[in-house]
Amino acid sequence: MIDVMALRRPALLLAATLALRGTLGAQNHEPFEDPPINYSTTVPVDAVSRLNAAMAKQAEEIRGWPARRRLRWLLEQLQVPVESQLLVFGKTSLQRGLISPGNPRALYFSDEAYVGWVPGGAIEITVFDPVLGATFYVLDAQQPETAPLIARSQECLLCHAHHDHTPSLRARSVFPDATGEPLSGSGSSNIAPDTPLAERWGGWYVTGRPSGLRHRGNVTGKTTEDFTGDAGLRGEVRPELPAGPDAARYPRATSDIVALLLHDHQVHVHNVLSAANQQARIALFRWPAMRELLQLPANSAPAGSCLVVLNSQAEKVIEALLCKGEAAFPAGGAQGDGAFEKIYAASRRADDRDRSLRDLDLRTRLFRYRCSPLIYARTFEAMPKELRTVVLRRLSVGLRAATPAPEFAHLPADERQAIHEILTATLPDLPADWGK
């Protein structure tokens, strides 16, 4: 017997898709401002909102503390290691008027939070909400008594809504002049996994053990030619900060290259996870209407465009987690001063052979086992179950396949096997068919 509904479903699916697109096309703002995300009007449930609630009675006291004390307190509360400190002298933030080579902006990060502070200014914070993704806050000593201790900021979206139209992080490389101002007409580039190290960190300080690694950090110029071409790659890894910034104003006198490399990696992976989270939630929100138009049972699994979104986002997540396309390290690799590496390894999860995803390579690449430790982060855990299950099932199959799919082909067989074994031993809530 011919299933008439099966013959009609492609046409119904197209009609349903066009109807939904027409509804959304009438709106002039970003998709994350619409249901089910409602980014600006939804009260976040994240680490900063919890901290605000816990410290409401002490808000005025904390605002009165010296800036360095407020910064240290916030880093401790959010469990962000001070050893992650990076110093940016390029004027690439809302507080650009305060930033200069002599007064750089300090950045700190963990798997779950990012904190920025420039002496004389406010403290900026980014954390992750299970639904909203990246949420932005400011701790400003000049806020009125009635304001929360750490106020949510919408101004940050002027620069931080670029990755797949999702609130996101940015790590930029610019051509700075002697004041930190990007050279007129030179533009800037977001640092991506495939950005060569020689083209990174323009406008950043870079410290660590000297090596042959060249980059665009630590230097300023008068024209773009000062930064481009073989003669322009003048930045070197320095054992200490160059003359200019008063290191005593900061908790540490470093802007460690290993922390920079981890920061570049995490910014990309967090952006991919946040975008996938929101795209999946939007697709799943639309699925009931699509299912009704297709006249499918209420318990039908996602299909059509919803399934396409889940699969496409899963592929992006897997490629980001597995460090696909990352730039090769130059001969000699990269070496920091060791302080950040030690604190980074302190939270490693090891299997019974003492292998961990937090084990760094730093000779030819960032990680020894190329699967991002952010797979343990709450950002990954918070993805809709439907998407997380697709990602983990594809990971399990792809890591064990004799002939790997394109997302896995850059990993040799022994590394794929090691990653699968580490995840099996250390990642909770694996699907029931993991490893089968």
Protein backbone atom coordinates (compact mmCIF):
# COMPACT_ATOMS: atom_id res chain seq x y z
CA MET A 1 0.00 0.00 0.00
CA ILE A 2 1.36 3.43 -0.95
CA ASP A 3 1.98 5.78 1.99
CA VAL A 4 0.35 8.96 0.67
CA MET A 5 1.67 11.00 3.59
CA ALA A 6 5.21 9.89 2.81
CA LEU A 7 4.80 11.25 -0.72
CA ARG A 8 3.39 14.54 0.56
CA ARG A 9 5.98 15.14 3.30
CA PRO A 10 8.69 16.77 1.12
CA ALA A 11 6.18 19.34 -0.15
CA LEU A 12 4.76 19.88 3.33
CA LEU A 13 8.28 20.26 4.71
CA LEU A 14 9.10 22.94 2.14
CA ALA A 15 5.86 24.78 2.85
CA ALA A 16 6.47 24.66 6.58
CA THR A 17 10.02 25.95 6.18
CA LEU A 18 8.90 28.87 3.99
CA ALA A 19 6.14 29.75 6.44
CA LEU A 20 8.53 29.86 9.36
CA ARG A 21 11.07 31.87 7.38
CA GLY A 22 8.41 34.39 6.45
CA THR A 23 7.48 34.87 10.09
CA LEU A 24 11.08 35.35 11.15
CA GLY A 25 11.95 37.53 8.17
CA ALA A 26 9.47 40.14 9.36
CA GLN A 27 11.61 40.79 12.41
CA ASN A 28 14.56 43.14 12.25
CA HIS A 29 16.71 41.97 15.12
CA GLU A 30 19.02 39.06 15.78
CA PRO A 31 17.54 35.53 16.11
CA PHE A 32 18.80 35.28 19.69
CA GLU A 33 16.42 38.10 20.66
CA ASP A 34 13.44 35.95 19.60
CA PRO A 35 11.92 32.91 21.35
CA PRO A 36 13.12 30.61 22.69
CA ILE A 37 16.33 32.51 23.58
CA ASN A 38 14.98 36.03 24.30
CA TYR A 39 18.54 37.07 25.08
CA SER A 40 18.09 40.61 26.37
CA THR A 41 14.88 40.06 28.33
CA THR A 42 15.75 36.73 29.97
CA VAL A 43 17.24 36.77 33.46
CA PRO A 44 20.48 34.76 33.26
CA VAL A 45 21.18 31.74 35.42
CA ASP A 46 24.96 31.82 35.45
CA ALA A 47 27.92 32.16 37.79
CA VAL A 48 27.69 35.97 38.02
CA SER A 49 23.96 36.02 38.73
CA ARG A 50 24.56 33.57 41.57
CA LEU A 51 27.44 35.70 42.86
CA ASN A 52 25.27 38.83 42.75
CA ALA A 53 22.61 37.13 44.84
CA ALA A 54 25.14 35.89 47.39
CA MET A 55 26.87 39.29 47.76
CA ALA A 56 23.88 41.64 47.56
CA LYS A 57 24.33 42.88 51.14
CA GLN A 58 28.06 43.48 50.66
CA ALA A 59 27.84 45.21 47.27
CA GLU A 60 28.60 48.71 48.51
CA GLU A 61 31.49 47.50 50.66
CA ILE A 62 33.05 45.63 47.74
CA ARG A 63 32.72 48.65 45.45
CA GLY A 64 34.75 50.62 47.97
CA TRP A 65 37.72 48.25 47.88
CA PRO A 66 40.87 49.21 45.94
CA ALA A 67 40.70 48.04 42.32
CA ARG A 68 43.36 45.34 42.70
CA ARG A 69 41.51 43.88 45.69
CA ARG A 70 38.21 43.84 43.77
CA LEU A 71 39.95 42.10 40.89
CA ARG A 72 41.58 39.46 43.11
CA TRP A 73 38.30 38.84 44.92
CA LEU A 74 36.39 38.39 41.66
CA LEU A 75 38.98 36.00 40.23
CA GLU A 76 38.78 33.90 43.39
CA GLN A 77 34.98 33.86 43.37
CA LEU A 78 34.83 32.77 39.73
CA GLN A 79 37.77 30.36 40.16
CA VAL A 80 39.80 32.05 37.45
CA PRO A 81 43.57 31.57 37.92
CA VAL A 82 45.65 34.74 38.09
CA GLU A 83 48.39 32.79 36.28
CA SER A 84 46.28 33.04 33.12
CA GLN A 85 47.01 36.77 32.89
CA LEU A 86 47.36 38.23 29.39
CA LEU A 87 48.12 41.88 28.64
CA VAL A 88 46.60 43.67 25.64
CA PHE A 89 47.84 47.14 24.67
CA GLY A 90 45.84 47.45 21.44
CA LYS A 91 42.79 49.70 21.77
CA THR A 92 40.19 47.03 21.00
CA SER A 93 37.70 47.31 23.86
CA LEU A 94 34.97 49.67 25.07
CA GLN A 95 37.51 51.07 27.52
CA ARG A 96 39.91 51.87 24.69
CA GLY A 97 40.54 55.38 26.00
CA LEU A 98 42.36 53.92 29.01
CA ILE A 99 44.37 51.32 27.10
CA SER A 100 47.88 51.97 25.84
CA PRO A 101 51.27 50.22 25.70
CA GLY A 102 52.00 51.76 29.09
CA ASN A 103 48.60 50.82 30.55
CA PRO A 104 47.53 47.54 28.95
CA ARG A 105 44.28 45.74 29.64
CA ALA A 106 44.69 42.52 31.61
CA LEU A 107 42.68 39.42 30.68
CA TYR A 108 42.17 36.29 32.81
CA PHE A 109 40.30 33.11 31.92
CA SER A 110 39.27 29.65 33.01
CA ASP A 111 37.19 26.94 31.34
CA GLU A 112 34.05 28.77 32.48
CA ALA A 113 34.78 32.51 32.66
CA TYR A 114 36.75 35.44 31.20
CA VAL A 115 37.67 38.59 33.14
CA GLY A 116 39.14 41.83 31.77
CA TRP A 117 40.52 44.83 33.67
CA VAL A 118 42.42 47.94 32.72
CA PRO A 119 43.88 50.08 35.55
CA GLY A 120 41.65 53.09 36.06
CA GLY A 121 38.61 51.35 34.58
CA ALA A 122 35.86 48.86 35.31
CA ILE A 123 36.17 45.07 35.42
CA GLU A 124 34.49 43.25 32.53
CA ILE A 125 33.27 39.67 32.88
CA THR A 126 31.98 37.05 30.45
CA VAL A 127 30.40 33.83 31.71
CA PHE A 128 28.05 31.30 30.16
CA ASP A 129 24.35 30.76 30.75
CA PRO A 130 22.90 27.33 29.86
CA VAL A 131 20.47 28.88 27.35
CA LEU A 132 21.77 32.37 26.61
CA GLY A 133 25.38 31.36 26.07
CA ALA A 134 27.92 34.15 26.58
CA THR A 135 26.61 36.79 28.98
CA PHE A 136 28.47 40.04 29.66
CA TYR A 137 28.82 41.99 32.90
CA VAL A 138 30.65 44.98 34.36
CA LEU A 139 31.82 45.56 37.93
CA ASP A 140 32.15 49.35 38.17
CA ALA A 141 32.97 51.11 41.43
CA GLN A 142 30.97 54.11 40.23
CA GLN A 143 27.66 52.27 40.00
CA PRO A 144 24.82 53.60 42.21
CA GLU A 145 23.89 51.78 45.41
CA THR A 146 20.68 50.45 43.87
CA ALA A 147 22.50 48.70 41.02
CA PRO A 148 23.62 45.06 41.27
CA LEU A 149 27.23 44.64 42.30
CA ILE A 150 27.99 43.23 38.85
CA ALA A 151 25.67 44.75 36.25
CA ARG A 152 24.71 43.02 33.03
CA SER A 153 25.97 44.94 29.98
CA GLN A 154 24.25 45.11 26.59
CA GLU A 155 26.90 47.47 25.18
CA CYS A 156 29.25 44.52 24.77
CA LEU A 157 27.02 43.16 22.00
CA LEU A 158 28.20 46.00 19.77
CA CYS A 159 31.36 43.91 19.22
CA HIS A 160 30.39 40.52 20.63
CA ALA A 161 27.56 39.27 18.40
CA HIS A 162 29.61 38.24 15.40
CA HIS A 163 29.95 34.43 15.50
CA ASP A 164 26.99 32.94 13.60
CA HIS A 165 24.89 35.84 14.93
CA THR A 166 25.42 34.61 18.47
CA PRO A 167 26.75 36.50 21.51
CA SER A 168 30.38 35.48 21.48
CA LEU A 169 33.98 36.19 22.40
CA ARG A 170 36.66 37.84 20.28
CA ALA A 171 40.44 37.61 20.16
CA ARG A 172 41.82 40.07 17.64
CA SER A 173 45.19 40.78 16.11
CA VAL A 174 45.76 44.38 14.98
CA PHE A 175 48.54 46.59 13.65
CA PRO A 176 49.02 49.02 16.57
CA ASP A 177 50.79 52.35 16.49
CA ALA A 178 52.86 53.69 19.38
CA THR A 179 49.70 54.58 21.33
CA GLY A 180 48.03 51.18 20.79
CA GLU A 181 45.63 52.60 18.19
CA PRO A 182 45.12 50.24 15.22
CA LEU A 183 46.68 51.86 12.14
CA SER A 184 44.15 53.66 9.98
CA GLY A 185 42.77 51.42 7.26
CA SER A 186 44.68 48.37 8.47
CA GLY A 187 41.64 46.61 9.91
CA SER A 188 41.95 43.70 12.27
CA SER A 189 41.49 39.96 12.16
CA ASN A 190 39.85 37.56 14.57
CA ILE A 191 42.33 34.89 15.60
CA ALA A 192 41.07 31.51 14.36
CA PRO A 193 42.52 28.01 14.77
CA ASP A 194 44.18 28.20 11.35
CA THR A 195 45.68 31.67 11.88
CA PRO A 196 49.45 31.21 11.57
CA LEU A 197 51.27 32.03 14.80
CA ALA A 198 53.34 34.53 12.82
CA GLU A 199 50.15 36.58 12.30
CA ARG A 200 48.81 36.47 15.85
CA TRP A 201 48.85 38.78 18.83
CA GLY A 202 49.29 42.16 17.19
CA GLY A 203 48.55 44.54 20.08
CA TRP A 204 49.34 41.93 22.77
CA TYR A 205 52.36 41.43 24.98
CA VAL A 206 53.92 37.96 24.73
CA THR A 207 56.25 36.54 27.38
CA GLY A 208 57.82 33.13 27.98
CA ARG A 209 61.04 31.33 27.19
CA PRO A 210 62.72 32.83 24.11
CA SER A 211 62.58 30.61 21.03
CA GLY A 212 62.53 30.94 17.27
CA LEU A 213 58.78 31.59 17.30
CA ARG A 214 57.95 34.92 15.61
CA HIS A 215 54.64 36.78 15.88
CA ARG A 216 53.16 40.29 15.80
CA GLY A 217 53.09 40.85 19.54
CA ASN A 218 55.28 43.15 21.64
CA VAL A 219 55.77 45.67 18.82
CA THR A 220 54.22 48.82 17.38
CA GLY A 221 54.65 50.39 13.95
CA LYS A 222 53.93 53.39 11.78
CA THR A 223 52.69 51.54 8.66
CA THR A 224 51.27 48.11 7.93
CA GLU A 225 54.53 47.28 6.15
CA ASP A 226 56.21 47.31 9.54
CA PHE A 227 54.20 44.18 10.39
CA THR A 228 53.88 42.30 7.09
CA GLY A 229 56.32 40.31 5.02
CA ASP A 230 59.43 38.52 6.22
CA ALA A 231 61.01 41.71 7.52
CA GLY A 232 57.87 42.61 9.39
CA LEU A 233 57.65 39.57 11.66
CA ARG A 234 59.63 41.28 14.38
CA GLY A 235 57.83 40.12 17.49
CA GLU A 236 59.71 37.67 19.68
CA VAL A 237 58.80 35.83 22.85
CA ARG A 238 60.40 37.78 25.67
CA PRO A 239 61.42 36.50 29.10
CA GLU A 240 59.84 39.62 30.63
CA LEU A 241 57.62 42.51 29.63
CA PRO A 242 59.27 45.20 27.53
CA ALA A 243 59.85 48.68 28.95
CA GLY A 244 56.65 50.68 29.11
CA PRO A 245 53.97 48.99 31.22
CA ASP A 246 54.33 49.31 34.99
CA ALA A 247 54.26 45.62 35.89
CA ALA A 248 53.75 46.49 39.55
CA ARG A 249 50.18 47.61 38.75
CA TYR A 250 49.19 44.06 37.80
CA PRO A 251 48.99 40.84 39.81
CA ARG A 252 51.71 39.33 37.60
CA ALA A 253 54.46 40.65 35.34
CA THR A 254 53.67 38.22 32.52
CA SER A 255 51.57 37.69 29.41
CA ASP A 256 52.47 34.06 28.94
CA ILE A 257 52.55 32.52 25.46
CA VAL A 258 51.05 29.22 26.60
CA ALA A 259 48.12 31.09 28.17
CA LEU A 260 47.75 33.01 24.88
CA LEU A 261 47.60 29.77 22.90
CA LEU A 262 45.02 28.28 25.27
CA HIS A 263 43.01 31.51 25.19
CA ASP A 264 42.91 31.46 21.36
CA HIS A 265 41.76 27.84 21.41
CA GLN A 266 39.09 28.34 24.07
CA VAL A 267 37.61 31.47 22.50
CA HIS A 268 37.00 29.55 19.29
CA VAL A 269 35.58 26.44 20.96
CA HIS A 270 33.35 28.43 23.32
CA ASN A 271 31.99 30.40 20.35
CA VAL A 272 31.21 27.21 18.42
CA LEU A 273 29.55 25.61 21.45
CA SER A 274 27.46 28.72 22.19
CA ALA A 275 26.33 29.04 18.57
CA ALA A 276 25.48 25.34 18.34
CA ASN A 277 23.55 25.53 21.61
CA GLN A 278 21.41 28.43 20.40
CA GLN A 279 20.91 27.13 16.85
CA ALA A 280 19.80 23.75 18.20
CA ARG A 281 17.40 25.35 20.71
CA ILE A 282 15.85 27.48 17.99
CA ALA A 283 15.45 24.46 15.66
CA LEU A 284 13.92 22.34 18.44
CA PHE A 285 11.58 25.20 19.38
CA ARG A 286 10.28 25.29 15.79
CA TRP A 287 10.05 21.50 15.49
CA PRO A 288 6.53 21.06 17.02
CA ALA A 289 5.04 23.46 14.47
CA MET A 290 6.89 21.71 11.69
CA ARG A 291 5.81 18.31 13.01
CA GLU A 292 2.17 19.42 13.08
CA LEU A 293 2.35 20.69 9.51
CA LEU A 294 3.82 17.36 8.48
CA GLN A 295 1.04 15.58 10.38
CA LEU A 296 3.52 13.43 12.28
CA PRO A 297 2.86 11.82 15.68
CA ALA A 298 3.62 13.92 18.75
CA ASN A 299 6.45 11.60 19.79
CA SER A 300 8.25 11.77 16.41
CA ALA A 301 11.98 12.37 16.60
CA PRO A 302 13.28 15.58 14.98
CA ALA A 303 13.37 15.36 11.20
CA GLY A 304 13.66 17.57 8.17
CA SER A 305 15.30 20.96 8.69
CA CYS A 306 15.49 20.40 12.46
CA LEU A 307 17.61 17.29 11.97
CA VAL A 308 19.72 19.11 9.38
CA VAL A 309 20.50 21.80 11.96
CA LEU A 310 21.41 19.24 14.64
CA ASN A 311 23.72 17.36 12.28
CA SER A 312 25.40 20.46 10.86
CA GLN A 313 25.98 21.95 14.32
CA ALA A 314 27.29 18.61 15.59
CA GLU A 315 29.84 18.58 12.78
CA LYS A 316 31.02 22.10 13.70
CA VAL A 317 31.28 21.15 17.37
CA ILE A 318 33.29 18.01 16.60
CA GLU A 319 35.71 19.88 14.33
CA ALA A 320 36.25 22.54 17.01
CA LEU A 321 36.70 20.00 19.81
CA LEU A 322 39.15 17.95 17.77
CA CYS A 323 41.29 20.99 16.86
CA LYS A 324 40.76 20.47 13.13
CA GLY A 325 42.73 22.87 10.97
CA GLU A 326 44.84 24.31 13.78
CA ALA A 327 47.99 26.11 12.69
CA ALA A 328 51.23 24.17 12.96
CA PHE A 329 53.81 25.27 15.50
CA PRO A 330 57.19 26.37 14.17
CA ALA A 331 60.39 24.44 14.87
CA GLY A 332 61.18 24.64 18.55
CA GLY A 333 57.55 24.93 19.58
CA ALA A 334 56.41 27.29 22.34
CA GLN A 335 57.51 27.51 25.96
CA GLY A 336 56.02 29.57 28.74
CA ASP A 337 57.44 30.28 32.16
CA GLY A 338 55.68 27.21 33.57
CA ALA A 339 53.34 28.90 36.04
CA PHE A 340 50.23 28.75 33.87
CA GLU A 341 50.99 25.24 32.67
CA LYS A 342 51.20 24.02 36.26
CA ILE A 343 47.86 25.54 37.28
CA TYR A 344 46.23 24.33 34.04
CA ALA A 345 47.31 20.75 34.72
CA ALA A 346 46.06 20.86 38.31
CA SER A 347 42.49 20.01 37.25
CA ARG A 348 43.39 17.27 34.76
CA ARG A 349 41.13 14.20 34.53
CA ALA A 350 43.24 11.14 33.82
CA ASP A 351 42.37 7.63 32.72
CA ASP A 352 43.96 4.51 34.23
CA ARG A 353 47.04 5.05 32.05
CA ASP A 354 47.46 8.59 33.40
CA ARG A 355 46.49 10.21 30.08
CA SER A 356 44.50 13.44 30.14
CA LEU A 357 43.01 15.83 27.62
CA ARG A 358 44.77 18.63 29.53
CA ASP A 359 48.19 17.20 28.66
CA LEU A 360 49.94 19.81 26.51
CA ASP A 361 52.30 19.10 23.63
CA LEU A 362 53.65 22.58 22.74
CA ARG A 363 56.23 21.17 20.32
CA THR A 364 54.20 20.74 17.14
CA ARG A 365 50.70 21.54 18.43
CA LEU A 366 48.81 22.65 21.52
CA PHE A 367 47.46 19.36 22.97
CA ARG A 368 49.06 15.93 23.09
CA TYR A 369 45.61 14.36 22.59
CA ARG A 370 43.68 16.67 20.28
CA CYS A 371 40.30 16.82 21.95
CA SER A 372 39.49 20.03 23.77
CA PRO A 373 39.11 19.79 27.57
CA LEU A 374 36.12 22.11 27.09
CA ILE A 375 34.17 18.93 26.40
CA TYR A 376 33.99 18.77 30.22
CA ALA A 377 32.80 22.39 30.53
CA ARG A 378 29.28 23.36 31.51
CA THR A 379 28.92 25.01 28.09
CA PHE A 380 29.08 21.58 26.47
CA GLU A 381 27.01 19.92 29.18
CA ALA A 382 24.27 22.57 28.78
CA MET A 383 23.63 21.87 25.10
CA PRO A 384 20.22 20.35 24.36
CA LYS A 385 20.23 16.63 24.95
CA GLU A 386 19.32 15.99 21.31
CA LEU A 387 22.44 17.83 20.08
CA ARG A 388 24.78 16.51 22.77
CA THR A 389 23.72 12.94 21.97
CA VAL A 390 24.39 13.43 18.24
CA VAL A 391 27.83 14.87 19.01
CA LEU A 392 28.83 12.05 21.36
CA ARG A 393 27.53 9.28 19.11
CA ARG A 394 29.39 10.70 16.13
CA LEU A 395 32.51 11.09 18.26
CA SER A 396 32.34 7.47 19.38
CA VAL A 397 31.88 6.14 15.85
CA GLY A 398 34.39 8.49 14.26
CA LEU A 399 37.15 7.90 16.79
CA ARG A 400 36.87 4.12 16.33
CA ALA A 401 36.36 3.97 12.55
CA ALA A 402 38.93 2.14 10.45
CA THR A 403 38.47 4.77 7.74
CA PRO A 404 37.85 8.09 9.48
CA ALA A 405 35.31 10.68 8.34
CA PRO A 406 36.69 14.11 7.29
CA GLU A 407 36.20 15.55 10.80
CA PHE A 408 38.61 12.90 12.15
CA ALA A 409 41.05 12.40 9.28
CA HIS A 410 43.71 14.74 10.71
CA LEU A 411 44.14 12.44 13.73
CA PRO A 412 46.27 9.28 13.39
CA ALA A 413 44.64 6.02 14.48
CA ASP A 414 46.55 5.72 17.76
CA GLU A 415 45.57 9.25 18.80
CA ARG A 416 41.90 8.62 17.95
CA GLN A 417 41.99 5.45 20.04
CA ALA A 418 43.63 7.26 22.97
CA ILE A 419 41.04 10.05 22.88
CA HIS A 420 38.19 7.53 22.86
CA GLU A 421 39.69 5.68 25.83
CA ILE A 422 40.24 8.90 27.79
CA LEU A 423 36.67 10.06 27.17
CA THR A 424 35.33 6.63 28.12
CA ALA A 425 37.11 6.86 31.46
CA THR A 426 36.54 10.53 32.28
CA LEU A 427 33.40 11.94 30.62
CA PRO A 428 30.14 11.44 32.56
CA ASP A 429 26.70 10.73 31.09
CA LEU A 430 27.88 9.02 27.93
CA PRO A 431 25.14 7.60 25.67
CA ALA A 432 24.17 4.00 26.34
CA ASP A 433 25.54 2.96 22.93
CA TRP A 434 28.91 4.69 23.45
CA GLY A 435 31.65 2.33 22.32
CA LYS A 436 29.29 -0.16 20.72
